């Protein structure tokens, strides 16, 4: 859903997308393919996060200037999504941030924020249509330079060339930093996996 269109060509400039593609994956049907939904995103957006929770989609932030959260309902028969804007505002206009679902809560943090004092950043927790503030981040994090995965104990494991290894234990509400575990090479926009 959404994203950044690199195929427009440099003379036309790049733009965010509002289109949705769906893959109805069927292992017995090798003819499965991506189809374009007749629905659109509520706006053209990139740098956002999207999570699923309780059969709903949650579109969080994006574009460097969005502090909004949208809730989407997906209809499998028509491949359409209906969007409702929640009356909540993130504490920062987030782009390239992280979002996870842990213990019936949506956790968002990090990213870059345009036109604002960077200041301190905090975990933001969406629970039962209410937005709460969690603990302060130990450093600036963004998915251009850093990657985060969820482990089997519902801890968020963050790898960073700049800051080393960082673990966020949501149950305890605390971060642990291991600055000696920095990535050996300078890398951006990489992928991380936990086995």
N, C-alpha and C. Protein backbone atom coordinates (compact mmCIF):
# COMPACT_ATOMS: atom_id res chain seq x y z
N UNK A 1 0.84 -1.19 0.00
CA UNK A 1 0.00 0.00 0.00
C UNK A 1 0.87 1.24 0.00
N UNK A 2 0.56 2.15 -0.91
CA UNK A 2 1.32 3.40 -0.98
C UNK A 2 2.74 3.17 -1.43
N UNK A 3 3.62 4.08 -1.08
CA UNK A 3 5.02 3.97 -1.44
C UNK A 3 5.50 5.14 -2.27
N UNK A 4 6.66 4.96 -2.85
CA UNK A 4 7.34 6.01 -3.60
C UNK A 4 7.53 5.52 -5.02
N UNK A 5 7.08 6.27 -6.02
CA UNK A 5 7.15 5.86 -7.40
C UNK A 5 8.48 6.31 -8.01
N UNK A 6 9.37 5.35 -8.26
CA UNK A 6 10.66 5.64 -8.88
C UNK A 6 10.61 5.51 -10.39
N UNK A 7 9.50 5.08 -10.95
CA UNK A 7 9.41 4.85 -12.39
C UNK A 7 8.94 6.07 -13.18
N UNK A 8 8.64 7.16 -12.52
CA UNK A 8 8.15 8.32 -13.23
C UNK A 8 9.24 9.01 -14.05
N UNK A 9 10.48 8.76 -13.68
CA UNK A 9 11.57 9.42 -14.40
C UNK A 9 11.97 10.71 -13.70
N UNK A 10 13.24 11.02 -13.76
CA UNK A 10 13.75 12.20 -13.05
C UNK A 10 13.18 13.50 -13.59
N UNK A 11 12.86 13.56 -14.88
CA UNK A 11 12.33 14.81 -15.43
C UNK A 11 10.93 15.11 -14.92
N UNK A 12 10.19 14.09 -14.51
CA UNK A 12 8.85 14.31 -13.97
C UNK A 12 8.84 14.42 -12.46
N UNK A 13 9.93 14.02 -11.84
CA UNK A 13 9.98 14.04 -10.38
C UNK A 13 9.33 12.79 -9.80
N UNK A 14 9.62 12.52 -8.56
CA UNK A 14 9.04 11.36 -7.89
C UNK A 14 7.77 11.78 -7.17
N UNK A 15 6.93 10.81 -6.88
CA UNK A 15 5.72 11.13 -6.12
C UNK A 15 5.30 9.94 -5.29
N UNK A 16 4.56 10.24 -4.24
CA UNK A 16 3.99 9.19 -3.41
C UNK A 16 2.81 8.57 -4.13
N UNK A 17 2.51 7.33 -3.74
CA UNK A 17 1.41 6.59 -4.37
C UNK A 17 0.26 6.41 -3.38
N UNK A 18 -0.95 6.25 -3.91
CA UNK A 18 -2.11 5.94 -3.07
C UNK A 18 -2.77 4.64 -3.50
N UNK A 19 -2.08 3.86 -4.32
CA UNK A 19 -2.63 2.61 -4.83
C UNK A 19 -2.38 1.46 -3.88
N UNK A 20 -3.20 0.42 -4.03
CA UNK A 20 -3.13 -0.77 -3.18
C UNK A 20 -3.06 -2.00 -4.09
N UNK A 21 -2.09 -2.87 -3.84
CA UNK A 21 -2.00 -4.13 -4.56
C UNK A 21 -2.19 -5.28 -3.57
N UNK A 22 -2.85 -6.33 -4.02
CA UNK A 22 -3.20 -7.46 -3.15
C UNK A 22 -2.74 -8.76 -3.81
N UNK A 23 -2.10 -9.62 -3.03
CA UNK A 23 -1.73 -10.96 -3.50
C UNK A 23 -2.56 -11.97 -2.72
N UNK A 24 -3.45 -12.64 -3.42
CA UNK A 24 -4.24 -13.70 -2.81
C UNK A 24 -3.42 -14.98 -2.98
N UNK A 25 -2.59 -15.27 -1.99
CA UNK A 25 -1.61 -16.33 -2.08
C UNK A 25 -2.27 -17.69 -1.94
N UNK A 26 -2.07 -18.52 -2.93
CA UNK A 26 -2.61 -19.88 -2.90
C UNK A 26 -1.50 -20.80 -3.40
N UNK A 27 -0.91 -21.56 -2.47
CA UNK A 27 0.24 -22.40 -2.84
C UNK A 27 -0.12 -23.44 -3.88
N UNK A 28 -1.38 -23.87 -3.93
CA UNK A 28 -1.77 -24.87 -4.93
C UNK A 28 -1.99 -24.23 -6.30
N UNK A 29 -2.14 -22.91 -6.29
CA UNK A 29 -2.36 -22.19 -7.55
C UNK A 29 -1.14 -21.34 -7.86
N UNK A 30 -0.26 -21.88 -8.70
CA UNK A 30 0.96 -21.14 -9.01
C UNK A 30 0.68 -19.95 -9.91
N UNK A 31 -0.57 -19.79 -10.31
CA UNK A 31 -0.94 -18.64 -11.13
C UNK A 31 -1.32 -17.43 -10.29
N UNK A 32 -1.15 -17.51 -8.96
CA UNK A 32 -1.46 -16.37 -8.11
C UNK A 32 -0.67 -15.16 -8.59
N UNK A 33 -1.31 -14.00 -8.56
CA UNK A 33 -0.62 -12.79 -9.00
C UNK A 33 -1.15 -11.58 -8.24
N UNK A 34 -0.38 -10.52 -8.31
CA UNK A 34 -0.78 -9.27 -7.68
C UNK A 34 -1.93 -8.66 -8.47
N UNK A 35 -2.96 -8.19 -7.75
CA UNK A 35 -4.05 -7.49 -8.41
C UNK A 35 -4.17 -6.10 -7.79
N UNK A 36 -4.64 -5.17 -8.58
CA UNK A 36 -4.81 -3.80 -8.11
C UNK A 36 -6.19 -3.66 -7.49
N UNK A 37 -6.24 -3.18 -6.26
CA UNK A 37 -7.52 -2.97 -5.58
C UNK A 37 -8.24 -1.78 -6.20
N UNK A 38 -9.57 -1.83 -6.28
CA UNK A 38 -10.30 -0.64 -6.73
C UNK A 38 -10.25 0.49 -5.70
N UNK A 39 -9.85 0.15 -4.46
CA UNK A 39 -9.75 1.17 -3.41
C UNK A 39 -8.42 1.90 -3.50
N UNK A 40 -8.38 3.05 -2.87
CA UNK A 40 -7.15 3.85 -2.77
C UNK A 40 -6.85 4.08 -1.29
N UNK A 41 -5.61 4.47 -1.02
CA UNK A 41 -5.25 4.91 0.32
C UNK A 41 -5.98 6.23 0.58
N UNK A 42 -6.09 6.66 1.84
CA UNK A 42 -6.77 7.93 2.10
C UNK A 42 -6.01 9.14 1.55
N UNK A 43 -4.71 8.95 1.24
CA UNK A 43 -3.90 10.00 0.63
C UNK A 43 -2.70 9.34 -0.03
N UNK A 44 -1.97 10.07 -0.85
CA UNK A 44 -0.70 9.55 -1.39
C UNK A 44 0.30 9.56 -0.25
N UNK A 45 0.98 8.43 -0.04
CA UNK A 45 1.81 8.34 1.17
C UNK A 45 3.01 7.42 0.94
N UNK A 46 4.14 7.78 1.57
CA UNK A 46 5.32 6.92 1.62
C UNK A 46 5.96 7.11 2.98
N UNK A 47 6.85 6.21 3.37
CA UNK A 47 7.52 6.32 4.66
C UNK A 47 6.60 6.03 5.84
N UNK A 48 5.45 5.43 5.58
CA UNK A 48 4.46 5.13 6.61
C UNK A 48 4.69 3.72 7.16
N UNK A 49 3.96 3.36 8.19
CA UNK A 49 3.91 1.97 8.63
C UNK A 49 2.46 1.50 8.53
N UNK A 50 2.32 0.19 8.40
CA UNK A 50 1.02 -0.43 8.29
C UNK A 50 1.05 -1.71 9.11
N UNK A 51 0.14 -1.84 10.06
CA UNK A 51 0.05 -3.06 10.87
C UNK A 51 -1.39 -3.56 10.83
N UNK A 52 -1.56 -4.86 11.13
CA UNK A 52 -2.90 -5.42 11.26
C UNK A 52 -3.14 -5.76 12.72
N UNK A 53 -4.35 -5.48 13.17
CA UNK A 53 -4.72 -5.74 14.56
C UNK A 53 -6.23 -5.89 14.63
N UNK A 54 -6.70 -6.99 15.22
CA UNK A 54 -8.15 -7.27 15.37
C UNK A 54 -8.89 -7.11 14.04
N UNK A 55 -8.36 -7.71 12.98
CA UNK A 55 -8.99 -7.69 11.66
C UNK A 55 -9.11 -6.29 11.06
N UNK A 56 -8.31 -5.36 11.53
CA UNK A 56 -8.28 -4.01 10.98
C UNK A 56 -6.86 -3.69 10.53
N UNK A 57 -6.73 -2.77 9.59
CA UNK A 57 -5.44 -2.24 9.16
C UNK A 57 -5.23 -0.90 9.83
N UNK A 58 -4.00 -0.60 10.22
CA UNK A 58 -3.69 0.70 10.81
C UNK A 58 -2.55 1.33 10.03
N UNK A 59 -2.85 2.45 9.40
CA UNK A 59 -1.89 3.24 8.63
C UNK A 59 -1.41 4.36 9.54
N UNK A 60 -0.09 4.40 9.80
CA UNK A 60 0.46 5.32 10.79
C UNK A 60 1.51 6.22 10.16
N UNK A 61 1.32 7.54 10.26
CA UNK A 61 2.31 8.52 9.82
C UNK A 61 2.60 8.46 8.34
N UNK A 62 3.81 8.98 7.97
CA UNK A 62 4.27 8.98 6.59
C UNK A 62 4.50 10.36 6.04
N UNK A 63 5.16 10.42 4.87
CA UNK A 63 5.40 11.65 4.10
C UNK A 63 6.21 12.71 4.83
N UNK A 64 6.72 12.45 6.00
CA UNK A 64 7.50 13.44 6.73
C UNK A 64 6.66 14.51 7.40
N UNK A 65 5.37 14.55 7.13
CA UNK A 65 4.55 15.60 7.74
C UNK A 65 3.22 15.07 8.26
N UNK A 66 3.11 13.75 8.45
CA UNK A 66 1.84 13.19 8.91
C UNK A 66 1.95 12.68 10.35
N UNK A 67 1.01 13.09 11.17
CA UNK A 67 0.92 12.60 12.54
C UNK A 67 -0.41 11.89 12.76
N UNK A 68 -0.95 11.37 11.68
CA UNK A 68 -2.29 10.78 11.71
C UNK A 68 -2.26 9.26 11.78
N UNK A 69 -3.38 8.70 12.23
CA UNK A 69 -3.59 7.26 12.25
C UNK A 69 -4.93 6.99 11.57
N UNK A 70 -4.91 6.10 10.58
CA UNK A 70 -6.11 5.71 9.86
C UNK A 70 -6.39 4.24 10.13
N UNK A 71 -7.68 3.91 10.28
CA UNK A 71 -8.09 2.53 10.47
C UNK A 71 -8.79 2.06 9.19
N UNK A 72 -8.36 0.90 8.69
CA UNK A 72 -8.94 0.38 7.46
C UNK A 72 -9.64 -0.96 7.67
N UNK A 73 -10.74 -1.14 6.99
CA UNK A 73 -11.47 -2.41 7.00
C UNK A 73 -11.37 -3.01 5.60
N UNK A 74 -10.85 -4.24 5.54
CA UNK A 74 -10.63 -4.91 4.26
C UNK A 74 -11.76 -5.89 3.97
N UNK A 75 -12.35 -5.77 2.80
CA UNK A 75 -13.40 -6.68 2.35
C UNK A 75 -12.78 -7.65 1.36
N UNK A 76 -12.65 -8.92 1.76
CA UNK A 76 -11.99 -9.94 0.92
C UNK A 76 -12.75 -10.23 -0.36
N UNK A 77 -14.07 -10.11 -0.35
CA UNK A 77 -14.86 -10.44 -1.53
C UNK A 77 -14.66 -9.42 -2.65
N UNK A 78 -14.59 -8.15 -2.27
CA UNK A 78 -14.46 -7.10 -3.29
C UNK A 78 -13.03 -6.56 -3.40
N UNK A 79 -12.12 -7.03 -2.51
CA UNK A 79 -10.74 -6.53 -2.46
C UNK A 79 -10.68 -5.02 -2.26
N UNK A 80 -11.61 -4.52 -1.46
CA UNK A 80 -11.64 -3.08 -1.18
C UNK A 80 -11.28 -2.79 0.27
N UNK A 81 -10.81 -1.58 0.51
CA UNK A 81 -10.48 -1.13 1.85
C UNK A 81 -11.25 0.16 2.11
N UNK A 82 -11.94 0.21 3.24
CA UNK A 82 -12.64 1.42 3.66
C UNK A 82 -11.86 2.03 4.81
N UNK A 83 -11.53 3.32 4.71
CA UNK A 83 -10.67 4.00 5.69
C UNK A 83 -11.46 4.96 6.55
N UNK A 84 -11.10 5.01 7.85
CA UNK A 84 -11.66 5.97 8.79
C UNK A 84 -10.48 6.61 9.52
N UNK A 85 -10.44 7.94 9.54
CA UNK A 85 -9.37 8.64 10.24
C UNK A 85 -9.69 8.67 11.73
N UNK A 86 -8.75 8.16 12.54
CA UNK A 86 -8.96 8.20 13.99
C UNK A 86 -8.69 9.62 14.48
N UNK A 87 -9.40 10.02 15.49
CA UNK A 87 -9.25 11.37 16.03
C UNK A 87 -8.07 11.47 16.98
N UNK A 88 -6.95 10.88 16.61
CA UNK A 88 -5.75 10.87 17.45
C UNK A 88 -4.60 11.49 16.67
N UNK A 89 -3.67 12.11 17.37
CA UNK A 89 -2.48 12.68 16.74
C UNK A 89 -1.24 12.10 17.42
N UNK A 90 -0.30 11.61 16.60
CA UNK A 90 0.98 11.18 17.13
C UNK A 90 1.70 12.39 17.72
N UNK A 91 2.60 12.15 18.66
CA UNK A 91 3.32 13.28 19.27
C UNK A 91 4.26 13.93 18.27
N UNK A 92 4.68 13.18 17.23
CA UNK A 92 5.55 13.71 16.19
C UNK A 92 5.01 13.31 14.83
N UNK A 93 5.31 14.11 13.82
CA UNK A 93 4.97 13.77 12.45
C UNK A 93 6.04 12.79 11.98
N UNK A 94 5.68 11.52 11.90
CA UNK A 94 6.68 10.46 11.71
C UNK A 94 6.74 9.95 10.27
N UNK A 95 7.99 9.72 9.83
CA UNK A 95 8.27 9.06 8.57
C UNK A 95 9.45 8.13 8.81
N UNK A 96 9.46 6.97 8.17
CA UNK A 96 10.53 5.98 8.33
C UNK A 96 10.66 5.53 9.78
N UNK A 97 9.54 5.34 10.43
CA UNK A 97 9.48 4.93 11.82
C UNK A 97 9.21 3.43 11.90
N UNK A 98 8.95 2.95 13.09
CA UNK A 98 8.67 1.54 13.33
C UNK A 98 7.31 1.40 14.01
N UNK A 99 6.58 0.34 13.67
CA UNK A 99 5.32 0.03 14.35
C UNK A 99 5.21 -1.48 14.50
N UNK A 100 4.79 -1.92 15.69
CA UNK A 100 4.62 -3.33 16.00
C UNK A 100 3.34 -3.52 16.79
N UNK A 101 2.76 -4.73 16.73
CA UNK A 101 1.63 -5.09 17.58
C UNK A 101 2.16 -6.02 18.66
N UNK A 102 2.00 -5.60 19.92
CA UNK A 102 2.44 -6.40 21.08
C UNK A 102 1.35 -6.32 22.15
N UNK A 103 0.94 -7.46 22.65
CA UNK A 103 0.00 -7.53 23.78
C UNK A 103 -1.21 -6.61 23.59
N UNK A 104 -1.91 -6.76 22.48
CA UNK A 104 -3.12 -5.98 22.21
C UNK A 104 -2.88 -4.47 22.16
N UNK A 105 -1.67 -4.09 21.82
CA UNK A 105 -1.33 -2.68 21.67
C UNK A 105 -0.52 -2.49 20.40
N UNK A 106 -0.65 -1.30 19.79
CA UNK A 106 0.20 -0.94 18.66
C UNK A 106 1.27 0.01 19.17
N UNK A 107 2.52 -0.38 18.95
CA UNK A 107 3.68 0.38 19.44
C UNK A 107 4.32 1.08 18.24
N UNK A 108 4.50 2.40 18.30
CA UNK A 108 5.19 3.15 17.24
C UNK A 108 6.29 3.99 17.86
N UNK A 109 7.41 4.12 17.13
CA UNK A 109 8.51 4.94 17.63
C UNK A 109 9.49 5.24 16.51
N UNK A 110 10.35 6.22 16.77
CA UNK A 110 11.43 6.55 15.86
C UNK A 110 10.96 7.26 14.61
N UNK A 111 11.85 7.26 13.62
CA UNK A 111 11.58 7.92 12.35
C UNK A 111 12.25 9.27 12.29
N UNK A 112 12.01 9.95 11.20
CA UNK A 112 12.51 11.32 11.09
C UNK A 112 11.31 12.24 11.04
N UNK A 113 11.50 13.44 11.47
CA UNK A 113 10.40 14.39 11.60
C UNK A 113 10.85 15.71 11.00
N UNK A 114 10.09 16.21 10.04
CA UNK A 114 10.44 17.44 9.34
C UNK A 114 9.82 18.65 10.02
N UNK A 115 10.54 19.76 9.95
CA UNK A 115 9.97 21.03 10.38
C UNK A 115 9.67 21.11 11.86
N UNK A 116 10.26 20.22 12.65
CA UNK A 116 10.01 20.23 14.09
C UNK A 116 11.34 20.16 14.81
N UNK A 117 11.34 20.60 16.04
CA UNK A 117 12.49 20.39 16.90
C UNK A 117 12.56 18.89 17.14
N UNK A 118 13.72 18.29 16.85
CA UNK A 118 13.84 16.84 17.03
C UNK A 118 13.55 16.45 18.47
N UNK A 119 14.16 17.16 19.41
CA UNK A 119 13.89 16.92 20.82
C UNK A 119 13.93 15.46 21.20
N UNK A 120 13.26 15.13 22.28
CA UNK A 120 13.21 13.74 22.75
C UNK A 120 12.10 12.99 22.02
N UNK A 121 12.30 11.69 21.92
CA UNK A 121 11.28 10.87 21.30
C UNK A 121 10.86 9.80 22.31
N UNK A 122 9.60 9.43 22.26
CA UNK A 122 9.04 8.45 23.18
C UNK A 122 8.29 7.38 22.39
N UNK A 123 8.21 6.21 22.97
CA UNK A 123 7.34 5.16 22.44
C UNK A 123 5.91 5.69 22.49
N UNK A 124 5.15 5.44 21.44
CA UNK A 124 3.73 5.79 21.44
C UNK A 124 2.93 4.49 21.40
N UNK A 125 1.92 4.40 22.24
CA UNK A 125 1.16 3.16 22.41
C UNK A 125 -0.32 3.44 22.11
N UNK A 126 -0.84 2.74 21.11
CA UNK A 126 -2.26 2.85 20.78
C UNK A 126 -2.97 1.63 21.36
N UNK A 127 -3.91 1.90 22.27
CA UNK A 127 -4.68 0.83 22.90
C UNK A 127 -6.11 1.28 23.07
N UNK A 128 -7.04 0.49 22.53
CA UNK A 128 -8.47 0.79 22.62
C UNK A 128 -8.77 2.23 22.22
N UNK A 129 -8.25 2.61 21.05
CA UNK A 129 -8.50 3.94 20.45
C UNK A 129 -8.02 5.08 21.34
N UNK A 130 -7.03 4.79 22.19
CA UNK A 130 -6.43 5.82 23.04
C UNK A 130 -4.92 5.79 22.83
N UNK A 131 -4.30 6.96 22.72
CA UNK A 131 -2.86 7.05 22.48
C UNK A 131 -2.16 7.44 23.78
N UNK A 132 -1.19 6.60 24.19
CA UNK A 132 -0.46 6.84 25.44
C UNK A 132 1.02 6.99 25.13
N UNK A 133 1.73 7.63 26.03
CA UNK A 133 3.17 7.80 25.89
C UNK A 133 3.90 6.76 26.73
N UNK A 134 4.86 6.08 26.11
CA UNK A 134 5.68 5.10 26.79
C UNK A 134 7.03 5.69 27.14
N UNK A 135 8.04 4.85 27.34
CA UNK A 135 9.36 5.34 27.74
C UNK A 135 10.09 6.11 26.63
N UNK A 136 11.05 6.91 27.05
CA UNK A 136 11.87 7.71 26.16
C UNK A 136 12.85 6.82 25.40
N UNK A 137 13.05 7.09 24.11
CA UNK A 137 14.05 6.36 23.33
C UNK A 137 15.45 6.78 23.76
N UNK A 138 16.40 5.84 23.76
CA UNK A 138 17.76 6.17 24.19
C UNK A 138 18.53 6.96 23.13
N UNK A 139 18.06 6.96 21.88
CA UNK A 139 18.74 7.65 20.79
C UNK A 139 17.75 7.82 19.64
N UNK A 140 18.14 8.59 18.63
CA UNK A 140 17.28 8.72 17.45
C UNK A 140 17.39 7.46 16.61
N UNK A 141 16.25 6.95 16.19
CA UNK A 141 16.20 5.73 15.38
C UNK A 141 15.33 5.99 14.16
N UNK A 142 15.74 5.42 13.02
CA UNK A 142 14.90 5.53 11.84
C UNK A 142 15.24 4.39 10.90
N UNK A 143 14.24 3.88 10.19
CA UNK A 143 14.45 2.64 9.43
C UNK A 143 15.29 2.82 8.17
N UNK A 144 15.84 4.00 7.96
CA UNK A 144 16.83 4.20 6.91
C UNK A 144 18.18 3.68 7.40
N UNK A 145 18.50 3.95 8.67
CA UNK A 145 19.79 3.57 9.26
C UNK A 145 19.70 2.37 10.19
N UNK A 146 18.52 2.08 10.70
CA UNK A 146 18.34 1.06 11.74
C UNK A 146 17.26 0.08 11.30
N UNK A 147 17.30 -1.12 11.86
CA UNK A 147 16.23 -2.08 11.60
C UNK A 147 15.77 -2.68 12.92
N UNK A 148 14.51 -3.09 12.96
CA UNK A 148 13.94 -3.63 14.18
C UNK A 148 13.10 -4.86 13.85
N UNK A 149 13.19 -5.87 14.70
CA UNK A 149 12.40 -7.09 14.56
C UNK A 149 11.84 -7.46 15.93
N UNK A 150 10.79 -8.26 15.92
CA UNK A 150 10.15 -8.71 17.15
C UNK A 150 10.64 -10.13 17.45
N UNK A 151 11.11 -10.38 18.68
CA UNK A 151 11.57 -11.73 19.02
C UNK A 151 10.42 -12.54 19.64
N UNK A 152 10.71 -13.77 20.01
CA UNK A 152 9.67 -14.68 20.52
C UNK A 152 9.15 -14.26 21.90
N UNK A 153 9.89 -13.41 22.58
CA UNK A 153 9.45 -12.92 23.89
C UNK A 153 8.77 -11.56 23.79
N UNK A 154 8.39 -11.17 22.56
CA UNK A 154 7.75 -9.88 22.30
C UNK A 154 8.63 -8.70 22.67
N UNK A 155 9.94 -8.88 22.54
CA UNK A 155 10.86 -7.76 22.69
C UNK A 155 11.22 -7.25 21.30
N UNK A 156 11.43 -5.95 21.18
CA UNK A 156 11.85 -5.37 19.91
C UNK A 156 13.37 -5.31 19.92
N UNK A 157 13.99 -5.97 18.93
CA UNK A 157 15.44 -6.02 18.82
C UNK A 157 15.84 -5.08 17.69
N UNK A 158 16.62 -4.06 18.01
CA UNK A 158 17.01 -3.02 17.05
C UNK A 158 18.51 -3.14 16.77
N UNK A 159 18.87 -3.21 15.48
CA UNK A 159 20.28 -3.18 15.10
C UNK A 159 20.58 -1.83 14.49
N UNK A 160 21.77 -1.31 14.80
CA UNK A 160 22.12 0.02 14.33
C UNK A 160 23.63 0.14 14.15
N UNK A 161 24.04 0.65 13.01
CA UNK A 161 25.46 0.89 12.77
C UNK A 161 25.96 1.98 13.71
N UNK A 162 25.11 2.97 13.99
CA UNK A 162 25.52 4.11 14.83
C UNK A 162 25.44 3.81 16.33
N UNK A 163 24.42 3.05 16.74
CA UNK A 163 24.12 2.91 18.17
C UNK A 163 24.30 1.50 18.73
N UNK A 164 24.67 0.54 17.90
CA UNK A 164 24.84 -0.83 18.37
C UNK A 164 23.54 -1.58 18.44
N UNK A 165 23.41 -2.45 19.41
CA UNK A 165 22.22 -3.26 19.59
C UNK A 165 21.37 -2.64 20.70
N UNK A 166 20.07 -2.52 20.45
CA UNK A 166 19.15 -1.95 21.43
C UNK A 166 17.98 -2.91 21.57
N UNK A 167 17.58 -3.19 22.80
CA UNK A 167 16.45 -4.08 23.06
C UNK A 167 15.40 -3.30 23.83
N UNK A 168 14.17 -3.34 23.32
CA UNK A 168 13.06 -2.73 24.04
C UNK A 168 12.14 -3.84 24.54
N UNK A 169 12.01 -3.94 25.86
CA UNK A 169 11.12 -4.91 26.49
C UNK A 169 9.84 -4.18 26.86
N UNK A 170 8.80 -4.42 26.06
CA UNK A 170 7.54 -3.70 26.25
C UNK A 170 6.86 -4.07 27.57
N UNK A 171 7.01 -5.32 27.97
CA UNK A 171 6.39 -5.77 29.22
C UNK A 171 6.94 -4.99 30.42
N UNK A 172 8.25 -4.76 30.40
CA UNK A 172 8.91 -4.02 31.49
C UNK A 172 8.87 -2.52 31.22
N UNK A 173 8.78 -2.13 29.93
CA UNK A 173 8.75 -0.72 29.56
C UNK A 173 10.13 -0.08 29.60
N UNK A 174 11.18 -0.86 29.27
CA UNK A 174 12.54 -0.33 29.34
C UNK A 174 13.37 -0.71 28.13
N UNK A 175 14.36 0.15 27.84
CA UNK A 175 15.35 -0.11 26.80
C UNK A 175 16.64 -0.59 27.43
N UNK A 176 17.35 -1.45 26.72
CA UNK A 176 18.71 -1.84 27.09
C UNK A 176 19.57 -1.56 25.87
N UNK A 177 20.69 -0.88 26.07
CA UNK A 177 21.58 -0.55 24.96
C UNK A 177 22.90 -1.30 25.08
N UNK A 178 23.38 -1.79 23.95
CA UNK A 178 24.67 -2.47 23.86
C UNK A 178 25.47 -1.80 22.75
N UNK A 179 26.09 -0.64 23.05
CA UNK A 179 26.77 0.15 22.02
C UNK A 179 27.97 -0.56 21.40
N UNK A 180 28.52 -1.58 22.06
CA UNK A 180 29.67 -2.29 21.50
C UNK A 180 29.28 -3.22 20.34
N UNK A 181 27.98 -3.47 20.16
CA UNK A 181 27.53 -4.35 19.09
C UNK A 181 27.10 -3.57 17.86
N UNK A 182 27.93 -2.60 17.45
CA UNK A 182 27.64 -1.84 16.23
C UNK A 182 27.90 -2.72 15.02
N UNK A 183 27.16 -2.46 13.94
CA UNK A 183 27.43 -3.17 12.70
C UNK A 183 28.84 -2.84 12.24
N UNK A 184 29.50 -3.80 11.63
CA UNK A 184 30.89 -3.61 11.20
C UNK A 184 31.02 -2.67 10.02
N UNK A 185 30.03 -2.71 9.13
CA UNK A 185 30.08 -1.86 7.94
C UNK A 185 29.01 -0.77 8.03
N UNK A 186 29.29 0.36 7.41
CA UNK A 186 28.29 1.41 7.31
C UNK A 186 27.27 0.94 6.28
N UNK A 187 26.00 0.88 6.69
CA UNK A 187 24.96 0.45 5.76
C UNK A 187 23.65 1.15 6.08
N UNK A 188 22.88 1.43 5.04
CA UNK A 188 21.56 2.02 5.20
C UNK A 188 20.56 1.18 4.44
N UNK A 189 19.28 1.32 4.78
CA UNK A 189 18.18 0.65 4.12
C UNK A 189 18.41 -0.86 3.99
N UNK A 190 18.94 -1.46 5.04
CA UNK A 190 19.23 -2.89 5.01
C UNK A 190 18.08 -3.67 5.65
N UNK A 191 18.15 -4.99 5.57
CA UNK A 191 17.14 -5.86 6.17
C UNK A 191 17.78 -6.62 7.33
N UNK A 192 17.00 -6.91 8.34
CA UNK A 192 17.45 -7.70 9.49
C UNK A 192 16.44 -8.80 9.74
N UNK A 193 16.94 -9.96 10.16
CA UNK A 193 16.06 -11.08 10.48
C UNK A 193 16.55 -11.73 11.76
N UNK A 194 15.64 -12.25 12.54
CA UNK A 194 15.98 -12.90 13.79
C UNK A 194 15.62 -14.37 13.65
N UNK A 195 16.58 -15.26 13.95
CA UNK A 195 16.31 -16.71 13.88
C UNK A 195 16.39 -17.32 15.26
